[in-house]
């Protein structure tokens, strides 16, 4: 039982100072002191705190570091051995610098505070969803990695509530597919490119993007060393993924058409398609604008390829081995 000290003030009223001491091995390892106007209140507080402190790990939790969320974000960014990506870095930096929640201690942040953070953003559900996903990554590692009292379950609860309330949502899926006449016009356009204008192998990249279902950045990173011609497979380095990118290397199946395109490429370096993704994207965009084709992006070729496989009768698991999707829901969304 704790100790209560009664003191008489100058105005002859009494105050009651409650003291709780936790001993281990004869030594005081923790002490708390509170002053009350009534003795009954002091007694009730002592009983409450002694019960709370008797829970295994409670004392250790009090002595654990409790930095601000801003400090936790800083530690996450600086200590991550994997590159966390430009967009994620920008999002976390903005939260650090501008969001009121960043100044709060980790232990004070619950689901209520996270919902208030989403309200502060004043963003579309899709943008808010991206912000929340990047911030939740910090919550996921803070306690097990550094002992910071960020509540991962509170983040999960906030995600569920925010989804139900429409505060966060998934980005709208594009439904644009290139038509055969459009593809013919684009291929015809690049067939007339000469000299430096033809230095980017667009006549190869366009059909390969469709038959392989690969993103342009992934295509330009493909390496000969990662190709397994016998099993018609290749490793896609740093494949895009919501939770990670750098180090997310995935072995995928090559369709017969994609493998044949690779096999006729000159083996003159480490990469199969040794060109810049930025330059190829810019060349495709310029061609689309010049031809007067509306709202067609290079990434739409990936959707075309996935949809084509389903139309050929491939099953979801079969298509996933080509596209590299982990989530079948996302894969179905990608099939238009």
Protein backbone atom coordinates (compact mmCIF):
# COMPACT_ATOMS: atom_id res chain seq x y z
CA UNK A 1 0.00 0.00 0.00
CA UNK A 2 1.23 3.47 -0.81
CA UNK A 3 1.83 6.25 1.67
CA UNK A 4 -0.35 9.30 2.34
CA UNK A 5 1.15 12.41 3.89
CA UNK A 6 -1.23 14.95 5.42
CA UNK A 7 -0.13 18.57 5.29
CA UNK A 8 -1.71 21.67 6.77
CA UNK A 9 -1.72 24.75 4.55
CA UNK A 10 -1.42 28.33 5.71
CA UNK A 11 -5.19 28.73 5.45
CA UNK A 12 -5.62 25.73 7.81
CA UNK A 13 -7.00 23.48 5.04
CA UNK A 14 -5.51 20.02 4.59
CA UNK A 15 -3.89 18.46 1.53
CA UNK A 16 -3.13 14.79 1.04
CA UNK A 17 0.02 13.75 -0.82
CA UNK A 18 -0.16 10.21 -2.12
CA UNK A 19 3.11 8.36 -2.78
CA UNK A 20 3.41 5.11 -4.68
CA UNK A 21 6.76 3.31 -4.53
CA UNK A 22 7.58 0.13 -6.42
CA UNK A 23 10.40 -1.91 -4.93
CA UNK A 24 12.43 -4.75 -6.38
CA UNK A 25 15.19 -6.44 -4.45
CA UNK A 26 14.76 -3.98 -1.63
CA UNK A 27 15.35 -0.99 -3.90
CA UNK A 28 12.86 1.60 -5.09
CA UNK A 29 12.76 1.33 -8.89
CA UNK A 30 9.81 3.64 -9.49
CA UNK A 31 8.01 6.39 -7.58
CA UNK A 32 4.98 8.58 -8.28
CA UNK A 33 3.59 11.46 -6.20
CA UNK A 34 0.23 13.23 -6.48
CA UNK A 35 -1.54 15.71 -4.16
CA UNK A 36 -5.30 15.70 -3.53
CA UNK A 37 -7.87 17.77 -1.66
CA UNK A 38 -9.53 14.74 -0.08
CA UNK A 39 -8.06 11.65 1.57
CA UNK A 40 -10.50 9.32 -0.20
CA UNK A 41 -9.27 10.58 -3.57
CA UNK A 42 -5.65 9.93 -2.56
CA UNK A 43 -6.52 6.38 -1.47
CA UNK A 44 -8.38 5.68 -4.73
CA UNK A 45 -5.46 6.98 -6.82
CA UNK A 46 -2.96 4.79 -4.95
CA UNK A 47 -5.08 1.68 -5.51
CA UNK A 48 -5.50 2.50 -9.21
CA UNK A 49 -1.81 3.16 -9.87
CA UNK A 50 -0.62 0.11 -7.91
CA UNK A 51 -2.98 -2.07 -9.94
CA UNK A 52 -1.79 -0.55 -13.21
CA UNK A 53 1.87 -0.81 -12.29
CA UNK A 54 1.48 -4.45 -11.29
CA UNK A 55 0.79 -5.41 -14.91
CA UNK A 56 3.86 -7.19 -16.38
CA UNK A 57 5.95 -4.76 -18.38
CA UNK A 58 4.22 -1.64 -17.03
CA UNK A 59 7.32 -0.29 -15.28
CA UNK A 60 9.50 -0.98 -18.30
CA UNK A 61 7.00 0.80 -20.53
CA UNK A 62 7.22 3.92 -18.37
CA UNK A 63 10.98 3.96 -18.78
CA UNK A 64 10.84 3.33 -22.55
CA UNK A 65 11.61 6.22 -24.91
CA UNK A 66 8.59 8.26 -25.94
CA UNK A 67 9.72 10.65 -28.67
CA UNK A 68 7.53 12.76 -30.92
CA UNK A 69 6.08 11.26 -34.07
CA UNK A 70 8.38 13.56 -36.02
CA UNK A 71 11.40 11.94 -34.37
CA UNK A 72 10.03 8.48 -35.11
CA UNK A 73 9.58 9.40 -38.78
CA UNK A 74 13.12 10.78 -38.89
CA UNK A 75 14.51 7.55 -37.45
CA UNK A 76 12.49 5.49 -39.93
CA UNK A 77 13.79 7.47 -42.90
CA UNK A 78 17.43 7.61 -41.82
CA UNK A 79 17.78 4.02 -40.61
CA UNK A 80 15.94 2.24 -43.40
CA UNK A 81 18.46 0.24 -45.41
CA UNK A 82 16.05 -0.01 -48.28
CA UNK A 83 15.39 3.02 -50.42
CA UNK A 84 11.87 4.08 -49.46
CA UNK A 85 11.13 5.92 -52.66
CA UNK A 86 10.78 9.56 -53.64
CA UNK A 87 7.01 9.81 -53.10
CA UNK A 88 7.09 8.17 -49.68
CA UNK A 89 9.95 10.43 -48.59
CA UNK A 90 8.05 13.53 -49.72
CA UNK A 91 4.90 12.43 -47.88
CA UNK A 92 6.70 11.69 -44.61
CA UNK A 93 8.67 14.94 -44.84
CA UNK A 94 5.48 16.95 -45.25
CA UNK A 95 3.92 15.21 -42.25
CA UNK A 96 7.03 16.00 -40.20
CA UNK A 97 7.08 19.66 -41.13
CA UNK A 98 3.41 20.59 -41.31
CA UNK A 99 1.08 18.14 -39.58
CA UNK A 100 0.09 18.93 -35.96
CA UNK A 101 0.23 15.22 -35.15
CA UNK A 102 4.01 15.26 -35.76
CA UNK A 103 4.59 17.23 -32.54
CA UNK A 104 2.69 14.70 -30.40
CA UNK A 105 4.41 12.06 -28.28
CA UNK A 106 4.12 8.57 -29.69
CA UNK A 107 2.23 7.30 -26.64
CA UNK A 108 -0.44 9.98 -27.09
CA UNK A 109 -1.37 8.98 -30.64
CA UNK A 110 -4.37 6.69 -30.99
CA UNK A 111 -6.96 6.03 -33.66
CA UNK A 112 -8.80 9.28 -32.79
CA UNK A 113 -5.68 11.36 -33.46
CA UNK A 114 -5.06 9.55 -36.75
CA UNK A 115 -8.61 10.27 -37.92
CA UNK A 116 -8.09 13.92 -37.00
CA UNK A 117 -4.85 13.85 -39.04
CA UNK A 118 -6.79 12.71 -42.10
CA UNK A 119 -9.21 15.58 -41.55
CA UNK A 120 -6.28 17.98 -41.39
CA UNK A 121 -5.02 16.76 -44.78
CA UNK A 122 -8.16 17.96 -46.58
CA UNK A 123 -7.22 15.68 -49.46
CA UNK A 124 -9.10 13.35 -51.76
CA UNK A 125 -9.73 9.86 -50.36
CA UNK A 126 -7.13 8.48 -52.75
CA UNK A 127 -4.42 10.94 -51.68
CA UNK A 128 -5.34 10.55 -48.00
CA UNK A 129 -5.10 6.78 -48.42
CA UNK A 130 -1.56 7.11 -49.76
CA UNK A 131 -0.54 9.38 -46.87
CA UNK A 132 -2.04 6.99 -44.35
CA UNK A 133 -0.31 3.96 -45.88
CA UNK A 134 3.10 5.64 -45.74
CA UNK A 135 2.59 6.81 -42.16
CA UNK A 136 1.31 3.38 -41.09
CA UNK A 137 4.64 1.89 -42.19
CA UNK A 138 6.32 3.89 -39.41
CA UNK A 139 3.78 2.58 -36.87
CA UNK A 140 4.46 -0.98 -37.96
CA UNK A 141 8.17 -0.95 -37.10
CA UNK A 142 8.47 1.65 -34.31
CA UNK A 143 7.62 -0.55 -31.31
CA UNK A 144 9.37 -3.81 -32.27
CA UNK A 145 12.44 -2.06 -33.71
CA UNK A 146 13.05 0.83 -31.27
CA UNK A 147 10.62 0.40 -28.39
CA UNK A 148 8.72 3.56 -29.35
CA UNK A 149 5.10 3.40 -28.08
CA UNK A 150 3.36 3.83 -31.43
CA UNK A 151 0.23 1.69 -31.40
CA UNK A 152 0.00 -0.40 -34.58
CA UNK A 153 -3.47 -1.63 -33.62
CA UNK A 154 -4.62 1.99 -33.34
CA UNK A 155 -3.44 2.53 -36.90
CA UNK A 156 -5.38 -0.52 -38.06
CA UNK A 157 -8.50 0.67 -36.22
CA UNK A 158 -8.15 4.12 -37.78
CA UNK A 159 -7.75 2.57 -41.23
CA UNK A 160 -10.98 0.60 -40.81
CA UNK A 161 -12.92 3.65 -39.58
CA UNK A 162 -11.48 5.92 -42.28
CA UNK A 163 -12.41 3.41 -44.97
CA UNK A 164 -15.98 3.11 -43.67
CA UNK A 165 -16.31 6.89 -43.50
CA UNK A 166 -14.89 7.38 -46.99
CA UNK A 167 -11.91 9.38 -45.72
CA UNK A 168 -9.49 7.10 -47.53
CA UNK A 169 -9.95 5.10 -50.69
CA UNK A 170 -8.20 3.50 -53.59
CA UNK A 171 -7.23 5.39 -56.70
CA UNK A 172 -9.70 5.15 -59.55
CA UNK A 173 -8.71 2.47 -62.06
CA UNK A 174 -8.08 3.52 -65.65
CA UNK A 175 -10.27 1.84 -68.25
CA UNK A 176 -8.31 2.99 -71.31
CA UNK A 177 -7.09 0.32 -73.72
CA UNK A 178 -5.33 1.04 -77.00
CA UNK A 179 -7.25 -0.03 -80.09
CA UNK A 180 -5.57 -1.99 -82.87
CA UNK A 181 -5.78 0.98 -85.30
CA UNK A 182 -4.13 3.19 -82.66
CA UNK A 183 -1.33 0.70 -82.15
CA UNK A 184 -0.86 0.40 -85.92
CA UNK A 185 -0.54 4.19 -86.18
CA UNK A 186 1.96 4.37 -83.33
CA UNK A 187 4.08 1.55 -84.75
CA UNK A 188 3.94 3.13 -88.21
CA UNK A 189 5.07 6.43 -86.70
CA UNK A 190 8.14 4.92 -85.08
CA UNK A 191 8.98 2.83 -88.15
CA UNK A 192 9.79 6.09 -89.97
CA UNK A 193 12.13 7.39 -87.27
CA UNK A 194 15.76 7.53 -88.39
CA UNK A 195 19.11 8.45 -86.90
CA UNK A 196 19.03 9.71 -83.34
CA UNK A 197 15.24 9.70 -83.38
CA UNK A 198 15.38 5.91 -83.72
CA UNK A 199 18.00 5.39 -80.99
CA UNK A 200 15.25 4.35 -78.56
CA UNK A 201 13.90 0.96 -79.70
CA UNK A 202 10.21 1.89 -79.47
CA UNK A 203 9.27 -0.72 -82.12
CA UNK A 204 10.54 -3.31 -79.64
CA UNK A 205 9.50 -1.74 -76.33
CA UNK A 206 5.83 -1.28 -77.29
CA UNK A 207 5.05 -4.91 -78.20
CA UNK A 208 7.23 -6.20 -75.35
CA UNK A 209 5.29 -4.07 -72.85
CA UNK A 210 2.06 -5.70 -74.04
CA UNK A 211 3.32 -9.29 -74.22
CA UNK A 212 5.29 -9.13 -70.95
CA UNK A 213 2.80 -6.88 -69.03
CA UNK A 214 5.82 -5.06 -67.63
CA UNK A 215 6.08 -1.42 -66.60
CA UNK A 216 8.49 0.68 -68.64
CA UNK A 217 10.87 1.23 -65.71
CA UNK A 218 11.00 -2.52 -65.13
CA UNK A 219 11.65 -3.25 -68.81
CA UNK A 220 14.69 -1.01 -68.90
CA UNK A 221 16.12 -2.73 -65.79
CA UNK A 222 15.87 -6.29 -67.13
CA UNK A 223 19.26 -8.04 -67.21
CA UNK A 224 20.60 -10.93 -69.26
CA UNK A 225 21.95 -12.52 -66.09
CA UNK A 226 18.41 -12.81 -64.69
CA UNK A 227 16.98 -14.56 -67.76
CA UNK A 228 16.15 -18.27 -67.64
CA UNK A 229 15.36 -19.18 -71.23
CA UNK A 230 14.82 -22.87 -70.47
CA UNK A 231 11.96 -22.15 -68.07
CA UNK A 232 10.85 -18.94 -69.84
CA UNK A 233 11.35 -16.85 -66.69
CA UNK A 234 13.12 -13.66 -65.71
CA UNK A 235 13.75 -11.82 -62.44
CA UNK A 236 12.26 -8.32 -62.33
CA UNK A 237 14.44 -6.22 -60.05
CA UNK A 238 12.82 -3.67 -57.71
CA UNK A 239 9.29 -4.40 -58.89
CA UNK A 240 6.82 -1.73 -57.86
CA UNK A 241 4.82 -2.62 -54.75
CA UNK A 242 2.72 -0.49 -52.35
CA UNK A 243 4.80 -1.48 -49.36
CA UNK A 244 8.23 -1.73 -50.88
CA UNK A 245 10.13 -1.24 -54.08
CA UNK A 246 13.89 -1.43 -53.66
CA UNK A 247 14.87 -5.03 -53.06
CA UNK A 248 11.47 -6.34 -54.19
CA UNK A 249 12.87 -8.76 -56.78
CA UNK A 250 10.25 -11.03 -58.34
CA UNK A 251 10.64 -13.99 -60.70
CA UNK A 252 7.97 -13.85 -63.40
CA UNK A 253 6.93 -15.98 -66.35
CA UNK A 254 7.60 -14.75 -69.89
CA UNK A 255 4.90 -15.34 -72.46
CA UNK A 256 6.20 -17.03 -75.65
CA UNK A 257 5.95 -13.72 -77.53
CA UNK A 258 7.88 -11.82 -74.84
CA UNK A 259 10.62 -14.47 -74.76
CA UNK A 260 11.03 -14.36 -78.54
CA UNK A 261 11.43 -10.56 -78.44
CA UNK A 262 14.17 -10.92 -75.81
CA UNK A 263 15.98 -13.64 -77.76
CA UNK A 264 16.48 -11.44 -80.84
CA UNK A 265 17.98 -8.57 -78.87
CA UNK A 266 21.75 -7.99 -79.30
CA UNK A 267 23.72 -9.09 -76.24
CA UNK A 268 25.94 -6.05 -76.01
CA UNK A 269 25.75 -5.21 -72.34
CA UNK A 270 24.30 -6.09 -68.95
CA UNK A 271 20.78 -4.88 -69.73
CA UNK A 272 18.49 -6.43 -72.32
CA UNK A 273 16.94 -3.09 -73.27
CA UNK A 274 19.73 -0.55 -72.59
CA UNK A 275 17.77 2.67 -72.84
CA UNK A 276 16.34 5.30 -70.52
CA UNK A 277 12.79 4.80 -69.26
CA UNK A 278 12.35 8.57 -69.09
CA UNK A 279 13.44 9.04 -72.73
CA UNK A 280 11.20 6.20 -73.94
CA UNK A 281 8.22 7.57 -72.03
CA UNK A 282 8.80 11.03 -73.47
CA UNK A 283 9.10 9.62 -77.00
CA UNK A 284 5.81 7.73 -76.61
CA UNK A 285 4.04 10.81 -75.25
CA UNK A 286 5.29 12.98 -78.12
CA UNK A 287 4.11 10.42 -80.66
CA UNK A 288 0.64 10.19 -79.11
CA UNK A 289 0.30 13.97 -79.15
CA UNK A 290 1.58 14.24 -82.73
CA UNK A 291 -0.86 11.55 -83.91
CA UNK A 292 -3.78 13.18 -82.11
CA UNK A 293 -4.54 10.08 -80.03
CA UNK A 294 -6.29 11.11 -76.84
CA UNK A 295 -5.59 9.91 -73.30
CA UNK A 296 -3.24 7.02 -74.02
CA UNK A 297 -0.28 6.36 -71.70
CA UNK A 298 2.55 3.86 -72.04
CA UNK A 299 1.34 2.20 -68.83
CA UNK A 300 -1.94 1.39 -70.60
CA UNK A 301 0.04 -1.20 -72.58
CA UNK A 302 0.48 -3.21 -69.37
CA UNK A 303 -3.28 -3.20 -68.80
CA UNK A 304 -3.76 -4.24 -72.42
CA UNK A 305 -1.41 -7.17 -71.94
CA UNK A 306 -3.11 -8.37 -68.75
CA UNK A 307 -6.57 -8.08 -70.30
CA UNK A 308 -5.35 -9.93 -73.38
CA UNK A 309 -4.19 -12.91 -71.30
CA UNK A 310 -7.57 -13.18 -69.59
CA UNK A 311 -9.31 -12.97 -72.97
CA UNK A 312 -7.13 -15.86 -74.15
CA UNK A 313 -8.51 -18.00 -71.32
CA UNK A 314 -5.65 -17.77 -68.84
CA UNK A 315 -6.61 -18.24 -65.17
CA UNK A 316 -5.95 -15.70 -62.43
CA UNK A 317 -2.98 -17.67 -60.98
CA UNK A 318 -1.49 -18.04 -64.47
CA UNK A 319 -1.78 -14.33 -65.25
CA UNK A 320 -0.33 -13.46 -61.83
CA UNK A 321 2.85 -15.40 -62.66
CA UNK A 322 3.34 -13.08 -65.65
CA UNK A 323 2.22 -9.75 -64.16
CA UNK A 324 3.81 -10.31 -60.74
CA UNK A 325 0.69 -9.26 -58.80
CA UNK A 326 0.60 -10.51 -55.20
CA UNK A 327 -3.01 -9.47 -54.73
CA UNK A 328 -5.53 -11.14 -57.01
CA UNK A 329 -7.94 -8.27 -56.30
CA UNK A 330 -5.42 -5.79 -57.72
CA UNK A 331 -4.84 -8.09 -60.68
CA UNK A 332 -8.53 -8.23 -61.52
CA UNK A 333 -8.70 -4.44 -61.21
CA UNK A 334 -5.86 -4.21 -63.73
CA UNK A 335 -7.79 -6.31 -66.24
CA UNK A 336 -10.13 -4.01 -68.10
